[in-house]
Amino acid sequence: QVQLVESGGGLVQPGGSLNLSCTASGFTLGSYAIGWFRQAPGKEREEISCIDSTNGRTSFYRDSVKNRFTFSRDNVKNMMYLQMSSLRSEDTAVYYCARRQHSFCAVVTGDPGRMYDYWGHGTQVTISS
């Protein structure tokens, strides 16, 4: 069955870095766009990045993470990576990877989460001194 498993979360001091991974199984990764989401305590889930399937182009970065986060994928290894740097306390959240229903990313109105059909269970990222 389709599975997405995140790993790499933890506690990091402000200004530090952390690398998250997402392992995919049960489907052909190269056929789907993949997104990263996060949900902070008491806040709504937000999409932070999306990467196309075919050319690996990262199509979207949320403004708050631009120039700090880098999303990449390796379709051969069935892996996705989220490299995070210059971390801030407001980056504290549970981070999820999700499979988009299509091979491409696109900005949509309303909840972007409805464009994704499978989700990992998430990994906790805490930024604190």
Protein backbone atom coordinates (compact mmCIF):
# COMPACT_ATOMS: atom_id res chain seq x y z
CA GLN A 1 0.00 0.00 0.00
CA VAL A 2 0.98 3.60 -0.40
CA GLN A 3 3.13 4.83 2.46
CA LEU A 4 5.02 8.00 3.22
CA VAL A 5 7.27 8.08 6.26
CA GLU A 6 8.95 11.22 7.51
CA SER A 7 12.11 11.23 9.59
CA GLY A 8 14.78 13.59 10.83
CA GLY A 9 12.82 15.81 13.15
CA GLY A 10 14.17 16.95 16.49
CA LEU A 11 15.11 19.84 18.74
CA VAL A 12 17.34 22.53 17.28
CA GLN A 13 18.45 25.92 18.53
CA PRO A 14 17.39 29.04 16.66
CA GLY A 15 19.63 29.65 13.71
CA GLY A 16 20.42 25.98 13.37
CA SER A 17 19.75 23.50 10.60
CA LEU A 18 17.84 20.28 10.22
CA ASN A 19 17.31 17.86 7.37
CA LEU A 20 14.06 15.99 7.00
CA SER A 21 13.54 12.95 4.85
CA CYS A 22 10.44 11.34 3.44
CA THR A 23 10.52 7.74 2.27
CA ALA A 24 7.90 6.68 -0.23
CA SER A 25 6.71 3.17 -0.95
CA GLY A 26 3.84 1.39 -2.63
CA PHE A 27 3.71 3.61 -5.69
CA THR A 28 5.85 4.98 -8.50
CA LEU A 29 7.26 8.12 -6.98
CA GLY A 30 8.24 9.54 -10.34
CA SER A 31 4.60 9.84 -11.36
CA TYR A 32 3.55 12.22 -8.61
CA ALA A 33 4.30 15.64 -7.31
CA ILE A 34 5.11 15.72 -3.61
CA GLY A 35 4.48 18.41 -1.06
CA TRP A 36 5.69 19.30 2.40
CA PHE A 37 3.27 20.69 4.94
CA ARG A 38 3.55 21.71 8.54
CA GLN A 39 1.16 22.34 11.37
CA ALA A 40 2.10 24.36 14.41
CA PRO A 41 0.21 24.07 17.69
CA GLY A 42 -3.08 25.90 17.49
CA LYS A 43 -2.60 26.79 13.84
CA GLU A 44 -3.89 25.48 10.56
CA ARG A 45 -1.87 23.16 8.41
CA GLU A 46 0.08 25.03 5.75
CA GLU A 47 1.75 23.95 2.56
CA ILE A 48 5.37 25.02 2.54
CA SER A 49 6.69 23.52 -0.67
CA CYS A 50 5.80 21.36 -3.63
CA ILE A 51 8.04 19.64 -6.15
CA ASP A 52 7.03 18.38 -9.57
CA SER A 53 7.48 14.76 -10.51
CA THR A 54 9.03 14.85 -13.92
CA ASN A 55 11.79 17.37 -13.77
CA GLY A 56 12.17 17.65 -10.03
CA ARG A 57 11.53 21.35 -10.21
CA THR A 58 10.52 22.83 -6.92
CA SER A 59 7.48 24.75 -7.93
CA PHE A 60 6.53 26.45 -4.73
CA TYR A 61 8.00 27.71 -1.52
CA ARG A 62 5.97 29.49 1.08
CA ASP A 63 7.28 33.01 1.56
CA SER A 64 8.22 32.36 5.17
CA VAL A 65 10.64 29.58 4.19
CA LYS A 66 12.07 30.96 0.95
CA ASN A 67 15.86 31.05 0.86
CA ARG A 68 15.98 28.97 4.04
CA PHE A 69 14.41 25.65 3.01
CA THR A 70 15.36 23.46 0.06
CA PHE A 71 13.16 20.65 -1.18
CA SER A 72 14.62 17.93 -3.36
CA ARG A 73 13.72 14.46 -4.48
CA ASP A 74 15.42 11.28 -5.65
CA ASN A 75 12.96 9.17 -7.60
CA VAL A 76 15.41 6.28 -7.85
CA LYS A 77 15.79 6.03 -4.09
CA ASN A 78 12.12 6.87 -3.47
CA MET A 79 13.20 9.67 -1.18
CA MET A 80 12.38 13.31 -0.68
CA TYR A 81 14.43 15.73 1.35
CA LEU A 82 13.70 19.01 3.08
CA GLN A 83 16.85 20.86 4.08
CA MET A 84 16.08 23.57 6.59
CA SER A 85 18.47 26.26 7.73
CA SER A 86 18.37 29.51 9.70
CA LEU A 87 15.60 27.98 11.72
CA ARG A 88 13.34 30.16 13.80
CA SER A 89 11.03 29.49 16.69
CA GLU A 90 8.07 29.97 14.36
CA ASP A 91 9.25 26.97 12.34
CA THR A 92 8.27 24.75 15.24
CA ALA A 93 5.64 22.36 13.95
CA VAL A 94 4.88 18.84 12.89
CA TYR A 95 6.13 18.40 9.34
CA TYR A 96 4.37 16.16 6.86
CA CYS A 97 5.12 14.97 3.36
CA ALA A 98 2.20 14.19 1.12
CA ARG A 99 1.54 12.81 -2.34
CA ARG A 100 -0.21 15.12 -4.71
CA GLN A 101 -2.91 13.68 -6.90
CA HIS A 102 -1.11 14.90 -10.02
CA SER A 103 2.39 14.96 -11.42
CA PHE A 104 2.64 18.71 -11.20
CA CYS A 105 2.29 21.40 -8.59
CA ALA A 106 -0.13 24.28 -8.96
CA VAL A 107 -1.40 27.02 -6.75
CA VAL A 108 -5.03 26.48 -5.85
CA THR A 109 -7.61 28.51 -4.03
CA GLY A 110 -8.81 27.25 -0.70
CA ASP A 111 -7.15 24.42 1.17
CA PRO A 112 -4.19 23.08 -0.86
CA GLY A 113 -4.31 19.91 1.24
CA ARG A 114 -7.30 18.70 -0.73
CA MET A 115 -5.00 18.24 -3.71
CA TYR A 116 -3.08 15.53 -1.85
CA ASP A 117 -4.29 11.98 -1.32
CA TYR A 118 -1.72 10.29 0.91
CA TRP A 119 0.05 11.66 3.94
CA GLY A 120 2.80 10.61 6.28
CA HIS A 121 2.32 10.65 10.03
CA GLY A 122 4.62 13.59 10.49
CA THR A 123 7.83 14.38 12.32
CA GLN A 124 8.14 16.94 15.09
CA VAL A 125 10.49 19.87 14.63
CA THR A 126 11.09 22.06 17.65
CA ILE A 127 13.17 25.22 17.52
CA SER A 128 14.11 26.38 20.96
CA SER A 129 17.09 27.57 22.94
